[in-house]
Amino acid sequence: MFSTENRIKTIEKRRSRVKVYFYILCSLFFSFSSYAQCAMCRAALSGEENKAKAAAINDGIVYLMVIPYILVGALGYYIYRMKKKKQ
């Protein structure tokens, strides 16, 4: 038989797993790609002759946007590992 303490721990583990799965599911289904630029960049790069430059600007924006997310994710993973090691 499970003790009350074990049941509570099991329920907490399930809840945390459900939260993680829900977050991942929302991240996958609600991620929209956007190829947005600031107004100044759009005005400077509008026109037929600047298509290659506009694509390069968009790639640069995406590159600059991804780096902070990777850093925050790595920090979150490090904190997760540290807390898991303490338990």
PDB file of N, CA and C in Angstrom:
ATOM      1  N   MET A   1       0.828  -1.191   0.000  1.00  0.00           N
ATOM      2  CA  MET A   1       0.000   0.000   0.000  1.00  0.00           C
ATOM      3  C   MET A   1       0.870   1.252   0.000  1.00  0.00           C
ATOM      4  N   PHE A   2       0.384   2.235  -0.691  1.00  0.00           N
ATOM      5  CA  PHE A   2       1.074   3.516  -0.721  1.00  0.00           C
ATOM      6  C   PHE A   2       0.726   4.305   0.531  1.00  0.00           C
ATOM      7  N   SER A   3       1.702   4.993   1.046  1.00  0.00           N
ATOM      8  CA  SER A   3       1.417   5.898   2.148  1.00  0.00           C
ATOM      9  C   SER A   3       0.911   7.213   1.566  1.00  0.00           C
ATOM     10  N   THR A   4       0.401   8.053   2.426  1.00  0.00           N
ATOM     11  CA  THR A   4      -0.134   9.336   1.983  1.00  0.00           C
ATOM     12  C   THR A   4       0.966  10.189   1.357  1.00  0.00           C
ATOM     13  N   GLU A   5       2.159  10.128   1.930  1.00  0.00           N
ATOM     14  CA  GLU A   5       3.280  10.894   1.398  1.00  0.00           C
ATOM     15  C   GLU A   5       3.626  10.466  -0.019  1.00  0.00           C
ATOM     16  N   ASN A   6       3.663   9.171  -0.259  1.00  0.00           N
ATOM     17  CA  ASN A   6       3.976   8.656  -1.591  1.00  0.00           C
ATOM     18  C   ASN A   6       2.906   9.040  -2.605  1.00  0.00           C
ATOM     19  N   ARG A   7       1.664   9.020  -2.201  1.00  0.00           N
ATOM     20  CA  ARG A   7       0.576   9.407  -3.098  1.00  0.00           C
ATOM     21  C   ARG A   7       0.693  10.876  -3.491  1.00  0.00           C
ATOM     22  N   ILE A   8       1.007  11.712  -2.509  1.00  0.00           N
ATOM     23  CA  ILE A   8       1.141  13.144  -2.783  1.00  0.00           C
ATOM     24  C   ILE A   8       2.296  13.384  -3.754  1.00  0.00           C
ATOM     25  N   LYS A   9       3.419  12.714  -3.545  1.00  0.00           N
ATOM     26  CA  LYS A   9       4.566  12.865  -4.448  1.00  0.00           C
ATOM     27  C   LYS A   9       4.222  12.399  -5.853  1.00  0.00           C
ATOM     28  N   THR A  10       3.495  11.282  -5.943  1.00  0.00           N
ATOM     29  CA  THR A  10       3.101  10.765  -7.253  1.00  0.00           C
ATOM     30  C   THR A  10       2.186  11.745  -7.970  1.00  0.00           C
ATOM     31  N   ILE A  11       1.248  12.320  -7.252  1.00  0.00           N
ATOM     32  CA  ILE A  11       0.325  13.287  -7.839  1.00  0.00           C
ATOM     33  C   ILE A  11       1.077  14.532  -8.288  1.00  0.00           C
ATOM     34  N   GLU A  12       2.023  15.003  -7.482  1.00  0.00           N
ATOM     35  CA  GLU A  12       2.805  16.179  -7.849  1.00  0.00           C
ATOM     36  C   GLU A  12       3.643  15.918  -9.091  1.00  0.00           C
ATOM     37  N   LYS A  13       4.224  14.730  -9.202  1.00  0.00           N
ATOM     38  CA  LYS A  13       5.009  14.379 -10.388  1.00  0.00           C
ATOM     39  C   LYS A  13       4.132  14.367 -11.633  1.00  0.00           C
ATOM     40  N   ARG A  14       2.948  13.794 -11.499  1.00  0.00           N
ATOM     41  CA  ARG A  14       2.031  13.748 -12.647  1.00  0.00           C
ATOM     42  C   ARG A  14       1.627  15.150 -13.073  1.00  0.00           C
ATOM     43  N   ARG A  15       1.341  16.004 -12.092  1.00  0.00           N
ATOM     44  CA  ARG A  15       0.944  17.376 -12.415  1.00  0.00           C
ATOM     45  C   ARG A  15       2.061  18.118 -13.129  1.00  0.00           C
ATOM     46  N   SER A  16       3.282  17.936 -12.655  1.00  0.00           N
ATOM     47  CA  SER A  16       4.390  18.627 -13.310  1.00  0.00           C
ATOM     48  C   SER A  16       4.606  18.091 -14.723  1.00  0.00           C
ATOM     49  N   ARG A  17       4.442  16.798 -14.926  1.00  0.00           N
ATOM     50  CA  ARG A  17       4.561  16.230 -16.278  1.00  0.00           C
ATOM     51  C   ARG A  17       3.469  16.770 -17.188  1.00  0.00           C
ATOM     52  N   VAL A  18       2.265  16.855 -16.675  1.00  0.00           N
ATOM     53  CA  VAL A  18       1.155  17.370 -17.477  1.00  0.00           C
ATOM     54  C   VAL A  18       1.428  18.822 -17.862  1.00  0.00           C
ATOM     55  N   LYS A  19       1.962  19.602 -16.926  1.00  0.00           N
ATOM     56  CA  LYS A  19       2.280  20.996 -17.233  1.00  0.00           C
ATOM     57  C   LYS A  19       3.333  21.086 -18.327  1.00  0.00           C
ATOM     58  N   VAL A  20       4.353  20.247 -18.251  1.00  0.00           N
ATOM     59  CA  VAL A  20       5.417  20.263 -19.263  1.00  0.00           C
ATOM     60  C   VAL A  20       4.854  19.850 -20.616  1.00  0.00           C
ATOM     61  N   TYR A  21       4.066  18.786 -20.660  1.00  0.00           N
ATOM     62  CA  TYR A  21       3.478  18.338 -21.918  1.00  0.00           C
ATOM     63  C   TYR A  21       2.556  19.400 -22.501  1.00  0.00           C
ATOM     64  N   PHE A  22       1.783  20.054 -21.659  1.00  0.00           N
ATOM     65  CA  PHE A  22       0.883  21.103 -22.116  1.00  0.00           C
ATOM     66  C   PHE A  22       1.678  22.274 -22.695  1.00  0.00           C
ATOM     67  N   TYR A  23       2.755  22.655 -22.036  1.00  0.00           N
ATOM     68  CA  TYR A  23       3.597  23.744 -22.526  1.00  0.00           C
ATOM     69  C   TYR A  23       4.209  23.387 -23.878  1.00  0.00           C
ATOM     70  N   ILE A  24       4.724  22.180 -24.002  1.00  0.00           N
ATOM     71  CA  ILE A  24       5.319  21.747 -25.267  1.00  0.00           C
ATOM     72  C   ILE A  24       4.269  21.723 -26.369  1.00  0.00           C
ATOM     73  N   LEU A  25       3.088  21.205 -26.052  1.00  0.00           N
ATOM     74  CA  LEU A  25       2.007  21.151 -27.031  1.00  0.00           C
ATOM     75  C   LEU A  25       1.624  22.551 -27.487  1.00  0.00           C
ATOM     76  N   CYS A  26       1.480  23.474 -26.548  1.00  0.00           N
ATOM     77  CA  CYS A  26       1.133  24.850 -26.913  1.00  0.00           C
ATOM     78  C   CYS A  26       2.243  25.487 -27.736  1.00  0.00           C
ATOM     79  N   SER A  27       3.481  25.211 -27.376  1.00  0.00           N
ATOM     80  CA  SER A  27       4.605  25.783 -28.125  1.00  0.00           C
ATOM     81  C   SER A  27       4.630  25.280 -29.557  1.00  0.00           C
ATOM     82  N   LEU A  28       4.301  24.024 -29.749  1.00  0.00           N
ATOM     83  CA  LEU A  28       4.335  23.465 -31.096  1.00  0.00           C
ATOM     84  C   LEU A  28       3.185  23.955 -31.960  1.00  0.00           C
ATOM     85  N   PHE A  29       1.996  24.027 -31.377  1.00  0.00           N
ATOM     86  CA  PHE A  29       0.833  24.385 -32.173  1.00  0.00           C
ATOM     87  C   PHE A  29       0.648  25.885 -32.355  1.00  0.00           C
ATOM     88  N   PHE A  30       1.187  26.666 -31.452  1.00  0.00           N
ATOM     89  CA  PHE A  30       0.966  28.103 -31.529  1.00  0.00           C
ATOM     90  C   PHE A  30       2.216  28.876 -31.903  1.00  0.00           C
ATOM     91  N   SER A  31       3.145  28.219 -32.545  1.00  0.00           N
ATOM     92  CA  SER A  31       4.333  28.935 -33.008  1.00  0.00           C
ATOM     93  C   SER A  31       4.099  29.366 -34.449  1.00  0.00           C
ATOM     94  N   PHE A  32       4.058  30.623 -34.636  1.00  0.00           N
ATOM     95  CA  PHE A  32       3.832  31.186 -35.956  1.00  0.00           C
ATOM     96  C   PHE A  32       5.135  31.792 -36.449  1.00  0.00           C
ATOM     97  N   SER A  33       5.423  31.559 -37.696  1.00  0.00           N
ATOM     98  CA  SER A  33       6.625  32.182 -38.248  1.00  0.00           C
ATOM     99  C   SER A  33       6.271  33.594 -38.690  1.00  0.00           C
ATOM    100  N   SER A  34       7.161  34.486 -38.397  1.00  0.00           N
ATOM    101  CA  SER A  34       6.936  35.862 -38.817  1.00  0.00           C
ATOM    102  C   SER A  34       8.201  36.379 -39.472  1.00  0.00           C
ATOM    103  N   TYR A  35       8.007  37.014 -40.571  1.00  0.00           N
ATOM    104  CA  TYR A  35       9.105  37.621 -41.285  1.00  0.00           C
ATOM    105  C   TYR A  35       8.913  39.132 -41.227  1.00  0.00           C
ATOM    106  N   ALA A  36       8.921  39.655 -40.020  1.00  0.00           N
ATOM    107  CA  ALA A  36       8.649  41.063 -39.811  1.00  0.00           C
ATOM    108  C   ALA A  36       9.954  41.855 -39.758  1.00  0.00           C
ATOM    109  N   GLN A  37       9.844  43.093 -40.112  1.00  0.00           N
ATOM    110  CA  GLN A  37      10.965  44.010 -40.046  1.00  0.00           C
ATOM    111  C   GLN A  37      10.487  45.297 -39.404  1.00  0.00           C
ATOM    112  N   CYS A  38      11.427  46.075 -38.937  1.00  0.00           N
ATOM    113  CA  CYS A  38      11.039  47.386 -38.429  1.00  0.00           C
ATOM    114  C   CYS A  38      10.638  48.262 -39.619  1.00  0.00           C
ATOM    115  N   ALA A  39       9.978  49.353 -39.331  1.00  0.00           N
ATOM    116  CA  ALA A  39       9.480  50.216 -40.402  1.00  0.00           C
ATOM    117  C   ALA A  39      10.614  50.812 -41.228  1.00  0.00           C
ATOM    118  N   MET A  40      11.710  51.148 -40.571  1.00  0.00           N
ATOM    119  CA  MET A  40      12.848  51.732 -41.286  1.00  0.00           C
ATOM    120  C   MET A  40      13.462  50.721 -42.255  1.00  0.00           C
ATOM    121  N   CYS A  41      13.630  49.491 -41.795  1.00  0.00           N
ATOM    122  CA  CYS A  41      14.209  48.455 -42.662  1.00  0.00           C
ATOM    123  C   CYS A  41      13.286  48.165 -43.846  1.00  0.00           C
ATOM    124  N   ARG A  42      11.991  48.094 -43.569  1.00  0.00           N
ATOM    125  CA  ARG A  42      11.037  47.801 -44.633  1.00  0.00           C
ATOM    126  C   ARG A  42      11.054  48.898 -45.700  1.00  0.00           C
ATOM    127  N   ALA A  43      11.112  50.155 -45.273  1.00  0.00           N
ATOM    128  CA  ALA A  43      11.126  51.258 -46.226  1.00  0.00           C
ATOM    129  C   ALA A  43      12.418  51.261 -47.048  1.00  0.00           C
ATOM    130  N   ALA A  44      13.530  50.933 -46.388  1.00  0.00           N
ATOM    131  CA  ALA A  44      14.811  50.949 -47.097  1.00  0.00           C
ATOM    132  C   ALA A  44      14.937  49.776 -48.064  1.00  0.00           C
ATOM    133  N   LEU A  45      14.282  48.675 -47.779  1.00  0.00           N
ATOM    134  CA  LEU A  45      14.462  47.471 -48.585  1.00  0.00           C
ATOM    135  C   LEU A  45      13.283  47.149 -49.492  1.00  0.00           C
ATOM    136  N   SER A  46      12.302  48.021 -49.547  1.00  0.00           N
ATOM    137  CA  SER A  46      11.160  47.728 -50.412  1.00  0.00           C
ATOM    138  C   SER A  46      11.553  47.933 -51.865  1.00  0.00           C
ATOM    139  N   GLY A  47      10.980  47.127 -52.700  1.00  0.00           N
ATOM    140  CA  GLY A  47      11.294  47.207 -54.131  1.00  0.00           C
ATOM    141  C   GLY A  47      11.774  45.867 -54.647  1.00  0.00           C
ATOM    142  N   GLU A  48      11.761  45.735 -55.943  1.00  0.00           N
ATOM    143  CA  GLU A  48      12.128  44.477 -56.591  1.00  0.00           C
ATOM    144  C   GLU A  48      13.633  44.208 -56.556  1.00  0.00           C
ATOM    145  N   GLU A  49      14.437  45.248 -56.632  1.00  0.00           N
ATOM    146  CA  GLU A  49      15.878  45.042 -56.738  1.00  0.00           C
ATOM    147  C   GLU A  49      16.541  44.672 -55.410  1.00  0.00           C
ATOM    148  N   ASN A  50      15.827  44.783 -54.308  1.00  0.00           N
ATOM    149  CA  ASN A  50      16.421  44.526 -52.994  1.00  0.00           C
ATOM    150  C   ASN A  50      15.933  43.234 -52.352  1.00  0.00           C
ATOM    151  N   LYS A  51      15.463  42.277 -53.128  1.00  0.00           N
ATOM    152  CA  LYS A  51      14.929  41.041 -52.555  1.00  0.00           C
ATOM    153  C   LYS A  51      15.989  40.237 -51.807  1.00  0.00           C
ATOM    154  N   ALA A  52      17.193  40.159 -52.348  1.00  0.00           N
ATOM    155  CA  ALA A  52      18.264  39.407 -51.682  1.00  0.00           C
ATOM    156  C   ALA A  52      18.666  40.076 -50.376  1.00  0.00           C
ATOM    157  N   LYS A  53      18.738  41.404 -50.392  1.00  0.00           N
ATOM    158  CA  LYS A  53      19.078  42.125 -49.166  1.00  0.00           C
ATOM    159  C   LYS A  53      17.979  41.970 -48.111  1.00  0.00           C
ATOM    160  N   ALA A  54      16.723  41.990 -48.542  1.00  0.00           N
ATOM    161  CA  ALA A  54      15.614  41.835 -47.608  1.00  0.00           C
ATOM    162  C   ALA A  54      15.633  40.446 -46.978  1.00  0.00           C
ATOM    163  N   ALA A  55      15.936  39.422 -47.756  1.00  0.00           N
ATOM    164  CA  ALA A  55      16.032  38.062 -47.208  1.00  0.00           C
ATOM    165  C   ALA A  55      17.176  37.965 -46.215  1.00  0.00           C
ATOM    166  N   ALA A  56      18.300  38.622 -46.504  1.00  0.00           N
ATOM    167  CA  ALA A  56      19.435  38.606 -45.584  1.00  0.00           C
ATOM    168  C   ALA A  56      19.096  39.327 -44.288  1.00  0.00           C
ATOM    169  N   ILE A  57      18.373  40.430 -44.380  1.00  0.00           N
ATOM    170  CA  ILE A  57      17.954  41.161 -43.178  1.00  0.00           C
ATOM    171  C   ILE A  57      17.027  40.291 -42.337  1.00  0.00           C
ATOM    172  N   ASN A  58      16.086  39.614 -42.979  1.00  0.00           N
ATOM    173  CA  ASN A  58      15.173  38.729 -42.248  1.00  0.00           C
ATOM    174  C   ASN A  58      15.936  37.607 -41.551  1.00  0.00           C
ATOM    175  N   ASP A  59      16.903  37.022 -42.223  1.00  0.00           N
ATOM    176  CA  ASP A  59      17.705  35.961 -41.604  1.00  0.00           C
ATOM    177  C   ASP A  59      18.492  36.498 -40.413  1.00  0.00           C
ATOM    178  N   GLY A  60      19.014  37.688 -40.536  1.00  0.00           N
ATOM    179  CA  GLY A  60      19.752  38.302 -39.432  1.00  0.00           C
ATOM    180  C   GLY A  60      18.862  38.571 -38.235  1.00  0.00           C
ATOM    181  N   ILE A  61      17.651  39.023 -38.487  1.00  0.00           N
ATOM    182  CA  ILE A  61      16.699  39.273 -37.396  1.00  0.00           C
ATOM    183  C   ILE A  61      16.380  37.975 -36.676  1.00  0.00           C
ATOM    184  N   VAL A  62      16.137  36.918 -37.422  1.00  0.00           N
ATOM    185  CA  VAL A  62      15.834  35.621 -36.805  1.00  0.00           C
ATOM    186  C   VAL A  62      17.033  35.127 -36.017  1.00  0.00           C
ATOM    187  N   TYR A  63      18.222  35.276 -36.545  1.00  0.00           N
ATOM    188  CA  TYR A  63      19.439  34.856 -35.853  1.00  0.00           C
ATOM    189  C   TYR A  63      19.589  35.596 -34.535  1.00  0.00           C
ATOM    190  N   LEU A  64      19.393  36.912 -34.552  1.00  0.00           N
ATOM    191  CA  LEU A  64      19.504  37.705 -33.325  1.00  0.00           C
ATOM    192  C   LEU A  64      18.403  37.367 -32.328  1.00  0.00           C
ATOM    193  N   MET A  65      17.252  36.947 -32.805  1.00  0.00           N
ATOM    194  CA  MET A  65      16.145  36.602 -31.922  1.00  0.00           C
ATOM    195  C   MET A  65      16.361  35.249 -31.248  1.00  0.00           C
ATOM    196  N   VAL A  66      17.004  34.313 -31.932  1.00  0.00           N
ATOM    197  CA  VAL A  66      17.144  32.956 -31.415  1.00  0.00           C
ATOM    198  C   VAL A  66      18.169  32.876 -30.283  1.00  0.00           C
ATOM    199  N   ILE A  67      19.219  33.648 -30.340  1.00  0.00           N
ATOM    200  CA  ILE A  67      20.306  33.577 -29.357  1.00  0.00           C
ATOM    201  C   ILE A  67      19.803  33.770 -27.919  1.00  0.00           C
ATOM    202  N   PRO A  68      19.002  34.785 -27.593  1.00  0.00           N
ATOM    203  CA  PRO A  68      18.527  34.918 -26.206  1.00  0.00           C
ATOM    204  C   PRO A  68      17.672  33.735 -25.755  1.00  0.00           C
ATOM    205  N   TYR A  69      16.873  33.171 -26.658  1.00  0.00           N
ATOM    206  CA  TYR A  69      16.062  32.017 -26.291  1.00  0.00           C
ATOM    207  C   TYR A  69      16.941  30.812 -25.956  1.00  0.00           C
ATOM    208  N   ILE A  70      17.996  30.621 -26.698  1.00  0.00           N
ATOM    209  CA  ILE A  70      18.908  29.515 -26.419  1.00  0.00           C
ATOM    210  C   ILE A  70      19.592  29.727 -25.070  1.00  0.00           C
ATOM    211  N   LEU A  71      20.015  30.949 -24.805  1.00  0.00           N
ATOM    212  CA  LEU A  71      20.675  31.239 -23.527  1.00  0.00           C
ATOM    213  C   LEU A  71      19.736  31.036 -22.345  1.00  0.00           C
ATOM    214  N   VAL A  72      18.508  31.515 -22.459  1.00  0.00           N
ATOM    215  CA  VAL A  72      17.533  31.345 -21.375  1.00  0.00           C
ATOM    216  C   VAL A  72      17.193  29.866 -21.201  1.00  0.00           C
ATOM    217  N   GLY A  73      17.067  29.140 -22.295  1.00  0.00           N
ATOM    218  CA  GLY A  73      16.806  27.702 -22.203  1.00  0.00           C
ATOM    219  C   GLY A  73      17.944  26.962 -21.538  1.00  0.00           C
ATOM    220  N   ALA A  74      19.179  27.318 -21.861  1.00  0.00           N
ATOM    221  CA  ALA A  74      20.338  26.677 -21.235  1.00  0.00           C
ATOM    222  C   ALA A  74      20.384  26.995 -19.751  1.00  0.00           C
ATOM    223  N   LEU A  75      20.084  28.229 -19.386  1.00  0.00           N
ATOM    224  CA  LEU A  75      20.051  28.600 -17.974  1.00  0.00           C
ATOM    225  C   LEU A  75      18.956  27.837 -17.234  1.00  0.00           C
ATOM    226  N   GLY A  76      17.792  27.739 -17.847  1.00  0.00           N
ATOM    227  CA  GLY A  76      16.694  26.977 -17.239  1.00  0.00           C
ATOM    228  C   GLY A  76      17.051  25.516 -17.052  1.00  0.00           C
ATOM    229  N   TYR A  77      17.704  24.935 -18.034  1.00  0.00           N
ATOM    230  CA  TYR A  77      18.124  23.533 -17.931  1.00  0.00           C
ATOM    231  C   TYR A  77      19.161  23.363 -16.834  1.00  0.00           C
ATOM    232  N   TYR A  78      20.093  24.311 -16.718  1.00  0.00           N
ATOM    233  CA  TYR A  78      21.107  24.251 -15.676  1.00  0.00           C
ATOM    234  C   TYR A  78      20.464  24.322 -14.294  1.00  0.00           C
ATOM    235  N   ILE A  79      19.500  25.212 -14.115  1.00  0.00           N
ATOM    236  CA  ILE A  79      18.801  25.329 -12.835  1.00  0.00           C
ATOM    237  C   ILE A  79      18.016  24.054 -12.543  1.00  0.00           C
ATOM    238  N   TYR A  80      17.373  23.506 -13.565  1.00  0.00           N
ATOM    239  CA  TYR A  80      16.632  22.250 -13.399  1.00  0.00           C
ATOM    240  C   TYR A  80      17.557  21.136 -12.929  1.00  0.00           C
ATOM    241  N   ARG A  81      18.721  20.998 -13.575  1.00  0.00           N
ATOM    242  CA  ARG A  81      19.678  19.951 -13.198  1.00  0.00           C
ATOM    243  C   ARG A  81      20.195  20.167 -11.778  1.00  0.00           C
ATOM    244  N   MET A  82      20.411  21.441 -11.407  1.00  0.00           N
ATOM    245  CA  MET A  82      20.912  21.740 -10.083  1.00  0.00           C
ATOM    246  C   MET A  82      19.879  21.363  -9.018  1.00  0.00           C
ATOM    247  N   LYS A  83      18.610  21.694  -9.266  1.00  0.00           N
ATOM    248  CA  LYS A  83      17.561  21.362  -8.303  1.00  0.00           C
ATOM    249  C   LYS A  83      17.348  19.852  -8.224  1.00  0.00           C
ATOM    250  N   LYS A  84      17.432  19.173  -9.375  1.00  0.00           N
ATOM    251  CA  LYS A  84      17.245  17.736  -9.384  1.00  0.00           C
ATOM    252  C   LYS A  84      18.368  17.038  -8.630  1.00  0.00           C
ATOM    253  N   LYS A  85      19.578  17.586  -8.697  1.00  0.00           N
ATOM    254  CA  LYS A  85      20.718  16.997  -8.007  1.00  0.00           C
ATOM    255  C   LYS A  85      20.572  17.131  -6.492  1.00  0.00           C
ATOM    256  N   LYS A  86      19.926  18.235  -6.036  1.00  0.00           N
ATOM    257  CA  LYS A  86      19.727  18.449  -4.601  1.00  0.00           C
ATOM    258  C   LYS A  86      18.728  17.459  -4.003  1.00  0.00           C
ATOM    259  N   GLN A  87      17.795  16.995  -4.804  1.00  0.00           N
ATOM    260  CA  GLN A  87      16.734  16.111  -4.285  1.00  0.00           C
ATOM    261  C   GLN A  87      17.225  14.757  -4.033  1.00  0.00           C
TER     262      GLN A  87
END
